[in-house]
Amino acid sequence: MKWKNISTEYESELDKIKLQTAYERLGVTHDSTIDEVKTAYRKKIRIYHPDRTDAFMLGYSEEVTKLLNTSFEQIKRRLSNAK
């Protein structure tokens, strides 16, 4: 049996997250305070941390955690330089 008209426009959630800005990944705005950024970061890390997920999602969780860590560091650096 041949497959016909199969859509190959699949876009993974990880690819979508990679295209987001640091602020979008954490769900904060550009005028957020450092405390708001920390709170948002902790909430996201609690969801995606590799220790809290099963073996099936381990690779995905590690990648998302790396992206969240870099996003947090970027925003923290920008806020500290703005002072």
C-alpha atoms as a PDB file:
ATOM      1  CA  MET A   1       0.000   0.000   0.000  1.00  0.00           C
ATOM      2  CA  LYS A   2       1.342   3.409  -0.942  1.00  0.00           C
ATOM      3  CA  TRP A   3       0.848   6.424   1.204  1.00  0.00           C
ATOM      4  CA  LYS A   4      -0.562   9.354  -0.711  1.00  0.00           C
ATOM      5  CA  ASN A   5      -1.030  12.964   0.234  1.00  0.00           C
ATOM      6  CA  ILE A   6       0.910  12.706   3.468  1.00  0.00           C
ATOM      7  CA  SER A   7       1.651  16.081   4.955  1.00  0.00           C
ATOM      8  CA  THR A   8       5.344  16.487   5.729  1.00  0.00           C
ATOM      9  CA  GLU A   9       4.913  19.862   7.376  1.00  0.00           C
ATOM     10  CA  TYR A  10       5.516  18.475  10.850  1.00  0.00           C
ATOM     11  CA  GLU A  11       7.235  20.924  13.164  1.00  0.00           C
ATOM     12  CA  SER A  12       8.394  19.640  16.514  1.00  0.00           C
ATOM     13  CA  GLU A  13       7.734  21.508  19.729  1.00  0.00           C
ATOM     14  CA  LEU A  14      11.477  21.728  20.316  1.00  0.00           C
ATOM     15  CA  ASP A  15      11.951  23.518  16.992  1.00  0.00           C
ATOM     16  CA  LYS A  16       9.196  25.963  17.943  1.00  0.00           C
ATOM     17  CA  ILE A  17      10.868  26.661  21.284  1.00  0.00           C
ATOM     18  CA  LYS A  18      14.232  27.215  19.582  1.00  0.00           C
ATOM     19  CA  LEU A  19      12.682  29.914  17.371  1.00  0.00           C
ATOM     20  CA  GLN A  20      11.338  31.849  20.352  1.00  0.00           C
ATOM     21  CA  THR A  21      13.146  34.722  22.004  1.00  0.00           C
ATOM     22  CA  ALA A  22      14.486  34.405  25.541  1.00  0.00           C
ATOM     23  CA  TYR A  23      11.535  36.408  26.853  1.00  0.00           C
ATOM     24  CA  GLU A  24       8.998  34.255  25.012  1.00  0.00           C
ATOM     25  CA  ARG A  25      10.564  31.046  26.328  1.00  0.00           C
ATOM     26  CA  LEU A  26      10.154  32.191  29.907  1.00  0.00           C
ATOM     27  CA  GLY A  27       6.834  33.915  29.301  1.00  0.00           C
ATOM     28  CA  VAL A  28       7.886  37.349  30.547  1.00  0.00           C
ATOM     29  CA  THR A  29       7.855  40.810  29.008  1.00  0.00           C
ATOM     30  CA  HIS A  30      10.792  43.106  28.313  1.00  0.00           C
ATOM     31  CA  ASP A  31       9.892  45.333  31.251  1.00  0.00           C
ATOM     32  CA  SER A  32       9.756  42.487  33.794  1.00  0.00           C
ATOM     33  CA  THR A  33      11.765  42.732  36.981  1.00  0.00           C
ATOM     34  CA  ILE A  34      14.453  40.239  37.946  1.00  0.00           C
ATOM     35  CA  ASP A  35      12.102  38.733  40.544  1.00  0.00           C
ATOM     36  CA  GLU A  36       9.402  38.130  37.919  1.00  0.00           C
ATOM     37  CA  VAL A  37      11.974  36.531  35.617  1.00  0.00           C
ATOM     38  CA  LYS A  38      13.241  34.263  38.407  1.00  0.00           C
ATOM     39  CA  THR A  39       9.704  33.170  39.264  1.00  0.00           C
ATOM     40  CA  ALA A  40       8.878  32.384  35.630  1.00  0.00           C
ATOM     41  CA  TYR A  41      12.181  30.526  35.209  1.00  0.00           C
ATOM     42  CA  ARG A  42      11.560  28.376  38.287  1.00  0.00           C
ATOM     43  CA  LYS A  43       8.045  27.487  37.132  1.00  0.00           C
ATOM     44  CA  LYS A  44       9.296  26.403  33.690  1.00  0.00           C
ATOM     45  CA  ILE A  45      12.254  24.460  35.092  1.00  0.00           C
ATOM     46  CA  ARG A  46       9.937  22.648  37.485  1.00  0.00           C
ATOM     47  CA  ILE A  47       7.956  21.414  34.476  1.00  0.00           C
ATOM     48  CA  TYR A  48      10.826  20.462  32.170  1.00  0.00           C
ATOM     49  CA  HIS A  49      13.633  19.385  34.508  1.00  0.00           C
ATOM     50  CA  PRO A  50      15.081  15.991  33.416  1.00  0.00           C
ATOM     51  CA  ASP A  51      14.903  14.583  36.957  1.00  0.00           C
ATOM     52  CA  ARG A  52      11.133  15.087  36.969  1.00  0.00           C
ATOM     53  CA  THR A  53      10.379  13.417  33.632  1.00  0.00           C
ATOM     54  CA  ASP A  54      10.338   9.815  32.515  1.00  0.00           C
ATOM     55  CA  ALA A  55      12.964   8.122  30.358  1.00  0.00           C
ATOM     56  CA  PHE A  56      10.909   8.619  27.200  1.00  0.00           C
ATOM     57  CA  MET A  57      11.010  12.416  27.522  1.00  0.00           C
ATOM     58  CA  LEU A  58      14.544  12.670  28.921  1.00  0.00           C
ATOM     59  CA  GLY A  59      16.242  13.943  25.751  1.00  0.00           C
ATOM     60  CA  TYR A  60      13.526  16.505  25.104  1.00  0.00           C
ATOM     61  CA  SER A  61      13.611  17.693  28.705  1.00  0.00           C
ATOM     62  CA  GLU A  62      17.380  18.125  28.640  1.00  0.00           C
ATOM     63  CA  GLU A  63      17.223  20.259  25.493  1.00  0.00           C
ATOM     64  CA  VAL A  64      14.403  22.426  26.821  1.00  0.00           C
ATOM     65  CA  THR A  65      16.229  22.862  30.132  1.00  0.00           C
ATOM     66  CA  LYS A  66      19.366  24.008  28.293  1.00  0.00           C
ATOM     67  CA  LEU A  67      17.321  26.533  26.320  1.00  0.00           C
ATOM     68  CA  LEU A  68      15.632  27.807  29.474  1.00  0.00           C
ATOM     69  CA  ASN A  69      18.988  28.143  31.249  1.00  0.00           C
ATOM     70  CA  THR A  70      20.508  30.159  28.403  1.00  0.00           C
ATOM     71  CA  SER A  71      17.387  32.329  28.207  1.00  0.00           C
ATOM     72  CA  PHE A  72      17.517  33.052  31.922  1.00  0.00           C
ATOM     73  CA  GLU A  73      21.216  33.904  31.763  1.00  0.00           C
ATOM     74  CA  GLN A  74      20.674  36.246  28.793  1.00  0.00           C
ATOM     75  CA  ILE A  75      17.846  38.114  30.494  1.00  0.00           C
ATOM     76  CA  LYS A  76      19.704  38.278  33.810  1.00  0.00           C
ATOM     77  CA  ARG A  77      22.768  39.695  32.038  1.00  0.00           C
ATOM     78  CA  ARG A  78      20.669  42.318  30.231  1.00  0.00           C
ATOM     79  CA  LEU A  79      18.964  43.382  33.440  1.00  0.00           C
ATOM     80  CA  SER A  80      22.247  43.644  35.340  1.00  0.00           C
ATOM     81  CA  ASN A  81      23.827  45.688  32.523  1.00  0.00           C
ATOM     82  CA  ALA A  82      20.825  48.021  32.454  1.00  0.00           C
ATOM     83  CA  LYS A  83      21.439  49.107  36.059  1.00  0.00           C
END
